[in-house]
Amino acid sequence: MFLNLNHYKLDVYQSARQLRIECYKILSVIPDSERFNLTDQIRRASTSVVLNITEGCSRRSETERKRYFEIARGSVIELDSCFDIVIDCNYIKKEELVKIENLIKTTFILLSGMLKKE
C-alpha cells in the first residue's frame, strides 16, 4: 500500500484482493459455531492467497517465486473446498456464491499462468 511495487499492477493480485474481500463478506452468514473452524479457515486461506502472491513477487529467484505462487494456488484450492462445506452445510446456496466462484476460477487460472511463465 505504501510502497509503489509492481505486484499492485498484476491482474492476479487484484483478483486475489477482490476474492479476499468477497470471502470476508460471506463470513457473516456462517454460524458462530464455525467461528474457530470454517470461518477462521476461510479468513486465513483468502489472506494467504494475497500475501503469498505479494511475497512471491518480491523474490529474485525463479524457484522461490514459483514456490510462493504454488502456495497461493493451494490456498485458492483450499477456499474452493471450504465453499463446498459451506454449501454442504446449507449455510448458503451455491447460486449466491457466483461472484466468489468466478473470482476463485479467475485467480486459479491467473496463478496457473504465473507458474507456467516461471
Foldseek 3Di string as FASTA:
>chain_A
DPDPDDLVVDPLLVLLVVLLVVLLVLLVLDDPVCVVPLNVLSNVLSVLLNVLCVVLVVDPDPVSSLVSLVSSLVSLVVNVVSVVVCCVVVSDPPVVCVVSVVSSVVSNVSSVVSNVVD
